[in-house]
Amino acid sequence: MDATLTGSVELVEDIEIRLLLEALYVRYHYDFRNYAMASVKRRLRQARDQMGFVTISALQERVLHDETMLPRLLGYLTVQVSEMFRDPSYFLAIREQVVPHLRTYPSLKIWIAGCSGGEELYSFVILFREEGLEDRTIFYATDINQDALQIAETGVYDLDRIKLFTENHRKSGGKSSLSDYYKTGYGHAAFDKTLRRHVVFSDHSLVTDAVFGEMNVISCRNVMIYFDRPLQDRAIGLFKDSLMRKGFLGLGAKESLRFSSHANGFSDFVREEKIYQRTSL
């Protein structure tokens, strides 16, 4: 294929992608228009090929006229890769440096934004139970992917993932055995339903939705790396407005407040773990 034809094909594909993203927003109110385009393009190509369509336009036509196709497409566009106590040093910093501050409050609100299948949520609940804070805490677990939220609500994971979860829990300063919190059977581990007694699961988009409460801690890790710069800035502004004064924000290892217009609303708390504290600004 010569360079001219290749360029023409890529141009058409770019147009198809923009039209599909606009269609998803208008038809279903899911807004991926300001996600990092390289990532979106890669995922839509994968969706097109694995779902058996010749073009992205053909995929768009089907999604617009068949609502049952939407969850399948969202599975490609939203990242659902996580693990319990992922980056154990982050949770160790929460345990050793953030929790002492949280003990001074009679009640707590924790928001796990972009909770995926619930791995980070259960990590926080277990940590708070071990630190004696669970009963005074409400945990808000949100995501735009309904299928992911359903997995989070069941708390059931493949048994072959538990070895890694257990090692992460140990490295995070766990004060018990992770096996105390789940039962196994048929190749799966089902986490104790009591871990969900203070959890509110909700559909929430960092792209289009607004503040819904005043939080003590917001943890949103490895979500904003898929946003473009303006959308990252919007999300950080949302977090700032959702945190109480001296509340804490945790981001992913590759994420930062550095270029945000809201950066002056935060101070570094544990810099190496990307944990920030809300200031009075």
C-alpha atoms as a PDB file:
ATOM      1  CA  MET A   1       0.000   0.000   0.000  1.00  0.00           C
ATOM      2  CA  ASP A   2       1.556   3.310  -1.036  1.00  0.00           C
ATOM      3  CA  ALA A   3       1.882   6.260   1.341  1.00  0.00           C
ATOM      4  CA  THR A   4      -0.972   8.227  -0.257  1.00  0.00           C
ATOM      5  CA  LEU A   5      -3.434   5.377   0.063  1.00  0.00           C
ATOM      6  CA  THR A   6      -2.298   4.602   3.610  1.00  0.00           C
ATOM      7  CA  GLY A   7      -2.845   8.210   4.596  1.00  0.00           C
ATOM      8  CA  SER A   8      -6.293   8.204   3.020  1.00  0.00           C
ATOM      9  CA  VAL A   9      -7.296   5.045   4.919  1.00  0.00           C
ATOM     10  CA  GLU A  10      -6.087   6.502   8.213  1.00  0.00           C
ATOM     11  CA  LEU A  11      -7.944   9.755   7.547  1.00  0.00           C
ATOM     12  CA  VAL A  12     -11.181   7.887   6.915  1.00  0.00           C
ATOM     13  CA  GLU A  13     -10.642   5.830  10.051  1.00  0.00           C
ATOM     14  CA  ASP A  14     -10.076   8.974  12.115  1.00  0.00           C
ATOM     15  CA  ILE A  15     -13.351  10.382  10.788  1.00  0.00           C
ATOM     16  CA  GLU A  16     -15.140   7.117  11.624  1.00  0.00           C
ATOM     17  CA  ILE A  17     -13.777   7.198  15.171  1.00  0.00           C
ATOM     18  CA  ARG A  18     -14.848  10.794  15.766  1.00  0.00           C
ATOM     19  CA  LEU A  19     -18.326   9.982  14.471  1.00  0.00           C
ATOM     20  CA  LEU A  20     -18.604   6.886  16.652  1.00  0.00           C
ATOM     21  CA  LEU A  21     -17.530   8.770  19.776  1.00  0.00           C
ATOM     22  CA  GLU A  22     -20.033  11.524  19.014  1.00  0.00           C
ATOM     23  CA  ALA A  23     -22.747   8.905  18.450  1.00  0.00           C
ATOM     24  CA  LEU A  24     -22.016   7.237  21.790  1.00  0.00           C
ATOM     25  CA  TYR A  25     -22.352  10.594  23.525  1.00  0.00           C
ATOM     26  CA  VAL A  26     -25.581  11.651  21.789  1.00  0.00           C
ATOM     27  CA  ARG A  27     -27.262   8.235  21.900  1.00  0.00           C
ATOM     28  CA  TYR A  28     -26.096   6.832  25.249  1.00  0.00           C
ATOM     29  CA  HIS A  29     -24.476   9.794  27.096  1.00  0.00           C
ATOM     30  CA  TYR A  30     -21.096   8.081  27.371  1.00  0.00           C
ATOM     31  CA  ASP A  31     -18.438  10.655  26.567  1.00  0.00           C
ATOM     32  CA  PHE A  32     -15.087   9.340  25.309  1.00  0.00           C
ATOM     33  CA  ARG A  33     -14.429  12.326  23.046  1.00  0.00           C
ATOM     34  CA  ASN A  34     -11.636  13.678  25.208  1.00  0.00           C
ATOM     35  CA  TYR A  35      -9.941  10.401  25.984  1.00  0.00           C
ATOM     36  CA  ALA A  36      -6.370  10.019  24.727  1.00  0.00           C
ATOM     37  CA  MET A  37      -6.908   9.324  21.028  1.00  0.00           C
ATOM     38  CA  ALA A  38      -4.079   6.830  20.547  1.00  0.00           C
ATOM     39  CA  SER A  39      -5.572   4.607  23.244  1.00  0.00           C
ATOM     40  CA  VAL A  40      -9.130   4.974  21.903  1.00  0.00           C
ATOM     41  CA  LYS A  41      -8.023   4.157  18.364  1.00  0.00           C
ATOM     42  CA  ARG A  42      -6.205   1.039  19.509  1.00  0.00           C
ATOM     43  CA  ARG A  43      -9.185  -0.225  21.475  1.00  0.00           C
ATOM     44  CA  LEU A  44     -11.725   0.490  18.768  1.00  0.00           C
ATOM     45  CA  ARG A  45      -9.618  -1.364  16.227  1.00  0.00           C
ATOM     46  CA  GLN A  46      -9.513  -4.314  18.600  1.00  0.00           C
ATOM     47  CA  ALA A  47     -13.288  -4.124  19.112  1.00  0.00           C
ATOM     48  CA  ARG A  48     -13.912  -3.915  15.361  1.00  0.00           C
ATOM     49  CA  ASP A  49     -11.753  -6.955  14.632  1.00  0.00           C
ATOM     50  CA  GLN A  50     -12.811  -9.170  17.530  1.00  0.00           C
ATOM     51  CA  MET A  51     -16.503  -8.377  17.130  1.00  0.00           C
ATOM     52  CA  GLY A  52     -16.355  -9.230  13.443  1.00  0.00           C
ATOM     53  CA  PHE A  53     -16.884  -5.880  11.697  1.00  0.00           C
ATOM     54  CA  VAL A  54     -15.098  -4.755   8.556  1.00  0.00           C
ATOM     55  CA  THR A  55     -15.140  -1.066   9.451  1.00  0.00           C
ATOM     56  CA  ILE A  56     -15.673   1.123  12.490  1.00  0.00           C
ATOM     57  CA  SER A  57     -18.640   2.642  10.659  1.00  0.00           C
ATOM     58  CA  ALA A  58     -20.251  -0.809  10.563  1.00  0.00           C
ATOM     59  CA  LEU A  59     -19.600  -1.136  14.292  1.00  0.00           C
ATOM     60  CA  GLN A  60     -21.214   2.259  14.862  1.00  0.00           C
ATOM     61  CA  GLU A  61     -24.308   1.316  12.873  1.00  0.00           C
ATOM     62  CA  ARG A  62     -24.804  -1.816  14.968  1.00  0.00           C
ATOM     63  CA  VAL A  63     -24.247  -0.077  18.310  1.00  0.00           C
ATOM     64  CA  LEU A  64     -26.685   2.699  17.445  1.00  0.00           C
ATOM     65  CA  HIS A  65     -29.474   0.271  16.558  1.00  0.00           C
ATOM     66  CA  ASP A  66     -28.785  -2.539  19.033  1.00  0.00           C
ATOM     67  CA  GLU A  67     -28.536  -1.486  22.695  1.00  0.00           C
ATOM     68  CA  THR A  68     -27.244  -4.910  23.684  1.00  0.00           C
ATOM     69  CA  MET A  69     -24.010  -4.107  21.851  1.00  0.00           C
ATOM     70  CA  LEU A  70     -23.207  -1.167  24.138  1.00  0.00           C
ATOM     71  CA  PRO A  71     -21.888  -3.162  27.137  1.00  0.00           C
ATOM     72  CA  ARG A  72     -19.622  -5.143  24.819  1.00  0.00           C
ATOM     73  CA  LEU A  73     -18.156  -1.994  23.330  1.00  0.00           C
ATOM     74  CA  LEU A  74     -17.723  -0.394  26.750  1.00  0.00           C
ATOM     75  CA  GLY A  75     -15.696  -3.432  27.725  1.00  0.00           C
ATOM     76  CA  TYR A  76     -13.136  -2.373  25.135  1.00  0.00           C
ATOM     77  CA  LEU A  77     -13.240   1.370  25.820  1.00  0.00           C
ATOM     78  CA  THR A  78     -12.962   1.181  29.609  1.00  0.00           C
ATOM     79  CA  VAL A  79      -9.900  -0.364  31.219  1.00  0.00           C
ATOM     80  CA  GLN A  80     -10.759  -3.137  33.682  1.00  0.00           C
ATOM     81  CA  VAL A  81      -7.302  -4.237  34.752  1.00  0.00           C
ATOM     82  CA  SER A  82      -6.521  -4.071  38.452  1.00  0.00           C
ATOM     83  CA  GLU A  83      -5.479  -6.137  41.435  1.00  0.00           C
ATOM     84  CA  MET A  84      -5.962  -6.031  45.168  1.00  0.00           C
ATOM     85  CA  PHE A  85      -3.442  -3.861  47.033  1.00  0.00           C
ATOM     86  CA  ARG A  86      -1.889  -2.935  43.694  1.00  0.00           C
ATOM     87  CA  ASP A  87       1.362  -1.037  44.334  1.00  0.00           C
ATOM     88  CA  PRO A  88       1.576  -2.201  47.978  1.00  0.00           C
ATOM     89  CA  SER A  89       3.731   0.771  48.971  1.00  0.00           C
ATOM     90  CA  TYR A  90       0.762   3.046  48.182  1.00  0.00           C
ATOM     91  CA  PHE A  91      -1.449   1.170  50.624  1.00  0.00           C
ATOM     92  CA  LEU A  92       1.346   1.049  53.194  1.00  0.00           C
ATOM     93  CA  ALA A  93       1.534   4.854  52.972  1.00  0.00           C
ATOM     94  CA  ILE A  94      -2.254   5.067  53.397  1.00  0.00           C
ATOM     95  CA  ARG A  95      -2.028   2.785  56.423  1.00  0.00           C
ATOM     96  CA  GLU A  96       0.925   4.444  58.117  1.00  0.00           C
ATOM     97  CA  GLN A  97       0.587   8.104  57.130  1.00  0.00           C
ATOM     98  CA  VAL A  98      -3.018   8.835  56.139  1.00  0.00           C
ATOM     99  CA  VAL A  99      -4.919   6.642  58.618  1.00  0.00           C
ATOM    100  CA  PRO A 100      -3.536   8.469  61.700  1.00  0.00           C
ATOM    101  CA  HIS A 101      -5.169  11.664  60.386  1.00  0.00           C
ATOM    102  CA  LEU A 102      -8.418   9.855  59.617  1.00  0.00           C
ATOM    103  CA  ARG A 103      -8.667   8.543  63.176  1.00  0.00           C
ATOM    104  CA  THR A 104      -9.445  12.084  64.343  1.00  0.00           C
ATOM    105  CA  TYR A 105     -12.811  12.124  62.486  1.00  0.00           C
ATOM    106  CA  PRO A 106     -16.003  10.586  63.935  1.00  0.00           C
ATOM    107  CA  SER A 107     -17.204   9.580  60.457  1.00  0.00           C
ATOM    108  CA  LEU A 108     -15.473   9.137  57.123  1.00  0.00           C
ATOM    109  CA  LYS A 109     -16.343   9.101  53.424  1.00  0.00           C
ATOM    110  CA  ILE A 110     -14.040   7.376  50.949  1.00  0.00           C
ATOM    111  CA  TRP A 111     -14.496   7.539  47.179  1.00  0.00           C
ATOM    112  CA  ILE A 112     -12.925   4.906  44.926  1.00  0.00           C
ATOM    113  CA  ALA A 113     -13.352   6.579  41.511  1.00  0.00           C
ATOM    114  CA  GLY A 114     -13.105   4.245  38.529  1.00  0.00           C
ATOM    115  CA  CYS A 115     -13.413   1.188  40.772  1.00  0.00           C
ATOM    116  CA  SER A 116     -13.333  -1.313  37.900  1.00  0.00           C
ATOM    117  CA  GLY A 117     -14.075  -4.810  39.219  1.00  0.00           C
ATOM    118  CA  GLY A 118     -13.733  -3.744  42.850  1.00  0.00           C
ATOM    119  CA  GLU A 119     -10.192  -4.862  43.649  1.00  0.00           C
ATOM    120  CA  GLU A 120      -9.121  -1.468  44.998  1.00  0.00           C
ATOM    121  CA  LEU A 121     -12.390  -1.045  46.860  1.00  0.00           C
ATOM    122  CA  TYR A 122     -11.940  -4.290  48.777  1.00  0.00           C
ATOM    123  CA  SER A 123      -8.328  -3.352  49.463  1.00  0.00           C
ATOM    124  CA  PHE A 124      -9.498  -0.175  51.196  1.00  0.00           C
ATOM    125  CA  VAL A 125     -12.295  -1.886  53.114  1.00  0.00           C
ATOM    126  CA  ILE A 126      -9.947  -4.603  54.385  1.00  0.00           C
ATOM    127  CA  LEU A 127      -7.319  -2.025  55.332  1.00  0.00           C
ATOM    128  CA  PHE A 128      -9.907   0.073  57.173  1.00  0.00           C
ATOM    129  CA  ARG A 129     -11.243  -3.025  58.960  1.00  0.00           C
ATOM    130  CA  GLU A 130      -7.734  -3.918  60.091  1.00  0.00           C
ATOM    131  CA  GLU A 131      -7.211  -0.364  61.323  1.00  0.00           C
ATOM    132  CA  GLY A 132     -10.551  -0.230  63.144  1.00  0.00           C
ATOM    133  CA  LEU A 133     -12.079   2.440  60.904  1.00  0.00           C
ATOM    134  CA  GLU A 134     -14.535   0.416  58.828  1.00  0.00           C
ATOM    135  CA  ASP A 135     -17.598   0.916  61.021  1.00  0.00           C
ATOM    136  CA  ARG A 136     -17.343   4.714  60.869  1.00  0.00           C
ATOM    137  CA  THR A 137     -16.777   4.794  57.088  1.00  0.00           C
ATOM    138  CA  ILE A 138     -18.979   4.926  53.995  1.00  0.00           C
ATOM    139  CA  PHE A 139     -17.195   3.763  50.846  1.00  0.00           C
ATOM    140  CA  TYR A 140     -18.396   5.045  47.463  1.00  0.00           C
ATOM    141  CA  ALA A 141     -17.362   2.826  44.546  1.00  0.00           C
ATOM    142  CA  THR A 142     -18.065   4.325  41.121  1.00  0.00           C
ATOM    143  CA  ASP A 143     -17.441   3.437  37.506  1.00  0.00           C
ATOM    144  CA  ILE A 144     -19.034   4.109  34.131  1.00  0.00           C
ATOM    145  CA  ASN A 145     -19.052   0.421  33.211  1.00  0.00           C
ATOM    146  CA  GLN A 146     -22.127  -1.366  34.577  1.00  0.00           C
ATOM    147  CA  ASP A 147     -20.613  -4.807  33.984  1.00  0.00           C
ATOM    148  CA  ALA A 148     -17.567  -3.838  36.051  1.00  0.00           C
ATOM    149  CA  LEU A 149     -19.819  -2.558  38.851  1.00  0.00           C
ATOM    150  CA  GLN A 150     -21.687  -5.873  38.871  1.00  0.00           C
ATOM    151  CA  ILE A 151     -18.403  -7.751  39.278  1.00  0.00           C
ATOM    152  CA  ALA A 152     -17.441  -5.389  42.089  1.00  0.00           C
ATOM    153  CA  GLU A 153     -20.769  -5.989  43.827  1.00  0.00           C
ATOM    154  CA  THR A 154     -20.304  -9.768  43.736  1.00  0.00           C
ATOM    155  CA  GLY A 155     -16.699  -9.689  44.971  1.00  0.00           C
ATOM    156  CA  VAL A 156     -15.832 -12.936  43.187  1.00  0.00           C
ATOM    157  CA  TYR A 157     -12.445 -13.373  41.497  1.00  0.00           C
ATOM    158  CA  ASP A 158     -10.562 -16.175  39.792  1.00  0.00           C
ATOM    159  CA  LEU A 159      -8.668 -18.236  42.318  1.00  0.00           C
ATOM    160  CA  ASP A 160      -5.439 -17.999  40.339  1.00  0.00           C
ATOM    161  CA  ARG A 161      -5.317 -14.249  41.108  1.00  0.00           C
ATOM    162  CA  ILE A 162      -5.372 -14.749  44.881  1.00  0.00           C
ATOM    163  CA  LYS A 163      -1.672 -15.556  45.247  1.00  0.00           C
ATOM    164  CA  LEU A 164      -0.758 -12.104  43.922  1.00  0.00           C
ATOM    165  CA  PHE A 165      -3.475 -10.433  45.998  1.00  0.00           C
ATOM    166  CA  THR A 166      -2.145 -12.178  49.109  1.00  0.00           C
ATOM    167  CA  GLU A 167       1.443 -11.108  48.490  1.00  0.00           C
ATOM    168  CA  ASN A 168       0.369  -7.524  47.838  1.00  0.00           C
ATOM    169  CA  HIS A 169      -1.667  -7.524  51.062  1.00  0.00           C
ATOM    170  CA  ARG A 170       1.337  -8.731  53.048  1.00  0.00           C
ATOM    171  CA  LYS A 171       3.605  -6.061  51.542  1.00  0.00           C
ATOM    172  CA  SER A 172       1.013  -3.373  52.279  1.00  0.00           C
ATOM    173  CA  GLY A 173       1.337  -4.013  56.011  1.00  0.00           C
ATOM    174  CA  GLY A 174      -1.635  -6.343  56.321  1.00  0.00           C
ATOM    175  CA  LYS A 175      -2.406  -7.272  59.917  1.00  0.00           C
ATOM    176  CA  SER A 176      -4.202 -10.515  59.169  1.00  0.00           C
ATOM    177  CA  SER A 177      -4.283 -13.223  56.532  1.00  0.00           C
ATOM    178  CA  LEU A 178      -6.134 -12.284  53.344  1.00  0.00           C
ATOM    179  CA  SER A 179      -7.726 -15.740  53.485  1.00  0.00           C
ATOM    180  CA  ASP A 180      -9.719 -14.517  56.490  1.00  0.00           C
ATOM    181  CA  TYR A 181     -11.821 -12.460  54.075  1.00  0.00           C
ATOM    182  CA  TYR A 182     -12.856 -14.971  51.403  1.00  0.00           C
ATOM    183  CA  LYS A 183     -14.051 -18.498  50.761  1.00  0.00           C
ATOM    184  CA  THR A 184     -13.037 -20.638  47.794  1.00  0.00           C
ATOM    185  CA  GLY A 185     -14.920 -22.989  45.529  1.00  0.00           C
ATOM    186  CA  TYR A 186     -15.176 -23.980  41.867  1.00  0.00           C
ATOM    187  CA  GLY A 187     -11.995 -22.120  40.929  1.00  0.00           C
ATOM    188  CA  HIS A 188     -13.092 -18.815  42.463  1.00  0.00           C
ATOM    189  CA  ALA A 189     -12.626 -16.819  45.630  1.00  0.00           C
ATOM    190  CA  ALA A 190     -15.728 -15.059  46.980  1.00  0.00           C
ATOM    191  CA  PHE A 191     -15.021 -12.209  49.350  1.00  0.00           C
ATOM    192  CA  ASP A 192     -17.135 -11.936  52.482  1.00  0.00           C
ATOM    193  CA  LYS A 193     -20.354 -10.026  51.917  1.00  0.00           C
ATOM    194  CA  THR A 194     -19.781  -8.137  55.191  1.00  0.00           C
ATOM    195  CA  LEU A 195     -17.056  -6.209  53.351  1.00  0.00           C
ATOM    196  CA  ARG A 196     -19.861  -4.553  51.359  1.00  0.00           C
ATOM    197  CA  ARG A 197     -22.070  -3.507  54.272  1.00  0.00           C
ATOM    198  CA  HIS A 198     -20.785   0.108  54.187  1.00  0.00           C
ATOM    199  CA  VAL A 199     -20.334   0.333  50.396  1.00  0.00           C
ATOM    200  CA  VAL A 200     -22.427   2.345  47.951  1.00  0.00           C
ATOM    201  CA  PHE A 201     -21.987   1.279  44.319  1.00  0.00           C
ATOM    202  CA  SER A 202     -22.904   3.849  41.694  1.00  0.00           C
ATOM    203  CA  ASP A 203     -22.585   4.695  38.014  1.00  0.00           C
ATOM    204  CA  HIS A 204     -20.573   7.916  37.804  1.00  0.00           C
ATOM    205  CA  SER A 205     -18.588   9.506  34.977  1.00  0.00           C
ATOM    206  CA  LEU A 206     -15.606  11.739  35.641  1.00  0.00           C
ATOM    207  CA  VAL A 207     -16.237  13.203  32.187  1.00  0.00           C
ATOM    208  CA  THR A 208     -19.846  14.388  32.529  1.00  0.00           C
ATOM    209  CA  ASP A 209     -21.032  14.009  36.131  1.00  0.00           C
ATOM    210  CA  ALA A 210     -20.713  16.447  39.012  1.00  0.00           C
ATOM    211  CA  VAL A 211     -19.672  16.453  42.660  1.00  0.00           C
ATOM    212  CA  PHE A 212     -21.862  14.196  44.812  1.00  0.00           C
ATOM    213  CA  GLY A 213     -20.412  14.536  48.306  1.00  0.00           C
ATOM    214  CA  GLU A 214     -17.659  15.818  50.560  1.00  0.00           C
ATOM    215  CA  MET A 215     -14.988  13.152  50.921  1.00  0.00           C
ATOM    216  CA  ASN A 216     -12.136  12.501  53.321  1.00  0.00           C
ATOM    217  CA  VAL A 217     -10.232  10.389  50.779  1.00  0.00           C
ATOM    218  CA  ILE A 218     -10.496  10.004  47.021  1.00  0.00           C
ATOM    219  CA  SER A 219      -8.469   7.270  45.333  1.00  0.00           C
ATOM    220  CA  CYS A 220      -8.460   7.380  41.537  1.00  0.00           C
ATOM    221  CA  ARG A 221      -5.491   5.499  40.183  1.00  0.00           C
ATOM    222  CA  ASN A 222      -4.586   4.624  36.609  1.00  0.00           C
ATOM    223  CA  VAL A 223      -7.738   6.205  35.200  1.00  0.00           C
ATOM    224  CA  MET A 224      -6.620   9.667  34.119  1.00  0.00           C
ATOM    225  CA  ILE A 225      -3.724   8.315  32.056  1.00  0.00           C
ATOM    226  CA  TYR A 226      -6.399   7.549  29.441  1.00  0.00           C
ATOM    227  CA  PHE A 227      -7.689  11.156  29.394  1.00  0.00           C
ATOM    228  CA  ASP A 228      -6.339  14.041  27.354  1.00  0.00           C
ATOM    229  CA  ARG A 229      -4.975  17.058  29.241  1.00  0.00           C
ATOM    230  CA  PRO A 230      -8.212  19.133  29.415  1.00  0.00           C
ATOM    231  CA  LEU A 231     -10.175  16.130  30.668  1.00  0.00           C
ATOM    232  CA  GLN A 232      -7.507  15.360  33.272  1.00  0.00           C
ATOM    233  CA  ASP A 233      -7.852  18.941  34.453  1.00  0.00           C
ATOM    234  CA  ARG A 234     -11.630  18.603  34.707  1.00  0.00           C
ATOM    235  CA  ALA A 235     -11.306  15.431  36.776  1.00  0.00           C
ATOM    236  CA  ILE A 236      -8.806  17.008  39.162  1.00  0.00           C
ATOM    237  CA  GLY A 237     -11.107  20.008  39.586  1.00  0.00           C
ATOM    238  CA  LEU A 238     -13.935  17.596  40.382  1.00  0.00           C
ATOM    239  CA  PHE A 239     -11.784  15.870  42.988  1.00  0.00           C
ATOM    240  CA  LYS A 240     -10.786  19.194  44.523  1.00  0.00           C
ATOM    241  CA  ASP A 241     -14.427  20.226  44.843  1.00  0.00           C
ATOM    242  CA  SER A 242     -15.336  16.808  46.264  1.00  0.00           C
ATOM    243  CA  LEU A 243     -12.722  16.805  49.037  1.00  0.00           C
ATOM    244  CA  MET A 244     -13.114  18.369  52.432  1.00  0.00           C
ATOM    245  CA  ARG A 245     -10.322  20.682  53.559  1.00  0.00           C
ATOM    246  CA  LYS A 246      -7.268  18.565  54.444  1.00  0.00           C
ATOM    247  CA  GLY A 247      -8.785  15.600  52.623  1.00  0.00           C
ATOM    248  CA  PHE A 248      -6.532  13.249  50.666  1.00  0.00           C
ATOM    249  CA  LEU A 249      -6.263  12.429  46.947  1.00  0.00           C
ATOM    250  CA  GLY A 250      -4.398   9.368  45.687  1.00  0.00           C
ATOM    251  CA  LEU A 251      -3.382   9.054  42.024  1.00  0.00           C
ATOM    252  CA  GLY A 252      -1.602   6.401  39.973  1.00  0.00           C
ATOM    253  CA  ALA A 253       2.162   6.126  39.663  1.00  0.00           C
ATOM    254  CA  LYS A 254       2.166   7.699  36.180  1.00  0.00           C
ATOM    255  CA  GLU A 255      -0.317  10.451  37.034  1.00  0.00           C
ATOM    256  CA  SER A 256       0.368  13.901  38.410  1.00  0.00           C
ATOM    257  CA  LEU A 257      -1.132  17.252  39.373  1.00  0.00           C
ATOM    258  CA  ARG A 258       1.856  19.025  37.884  1.00  0.00           C
ATOM    259  CA  PHE A 259       0.165  20.489  34.809  1.00  0.00           C
ATOM    260  CA  SER A 260      -3.280  21.024  36.316  1.00  0.00           C
ATOM    261  CA  SER A 261      -4.790  24.465  36.809  1.00  0.00           C
ATOM    262  CA  HIS A 262      -6.046  23.095  40.148  1.00  0.00           C
ATOM    263  CA  ALA A 263      -2.594  22.111  41.433  1.00  0.00           C
ATOM    264  CA  ASN A 264      -2.514  25.000  43.907  1.00  0.00           C
ATOM    265  CA  GLY A 265      -5.490  23.439  45.669  1.00  0.00           C
ATOM    266  CA  PHE A 266      -3.269  20.575  46.840  1.00  0.00           C
ATOM    267  CA  SER A 267       0.003  20.016  48.646  1.00  0.00           C
ATOM    268  CA  ASP A 268       2.254  16.970  48.434  1.00  0.00           C
ATOM    269  CA  PHE A 269       1.605  14.599  51.320  1.00  0.00           C
ATOM    270  CA  VAL A 270       3.476  11.449  50.289  1.00  0.00           C
ATOM    271  CA  ARG A 271       5.123  12.603  47.089  1.00  0.00           C
ATOM    272  CA  GLU A 272       6.618   9.277  46.033  1.00  0.00           C
ATOM    273  CA  GLU A 273       3.212   7.567  46.265  1.00  0.00           C
ATOM    274  CA  LYS A 274       1.259  10.393  44.558  1.00  0.00           C
ATOM    275  CA  ILE A 275      -0.802  11.116  47.653  1.00  0.00           C
ATOM    276  CA  TYR A 276      -1.873  14.762  47.940  1.00  0.00           C
ATOM    277  CA  GLN A 277      -3.695  16.771  50.592  1.00  0.00           C
ATOM    278  CA  ARG A 278      -6.379  19.353  49.888  1.00  0.00           C
ATOM    279  CA  THR A 279      -5.415  22.851  50.995  1.00  0.00           C
ATOM    280  CA  SER A 280      -7.688  25.734  51.908  1.00  0.00           C
ATOM    281  CA  LEU A 281      -7.288  27.383  48.495  1.00  0.00           C
END
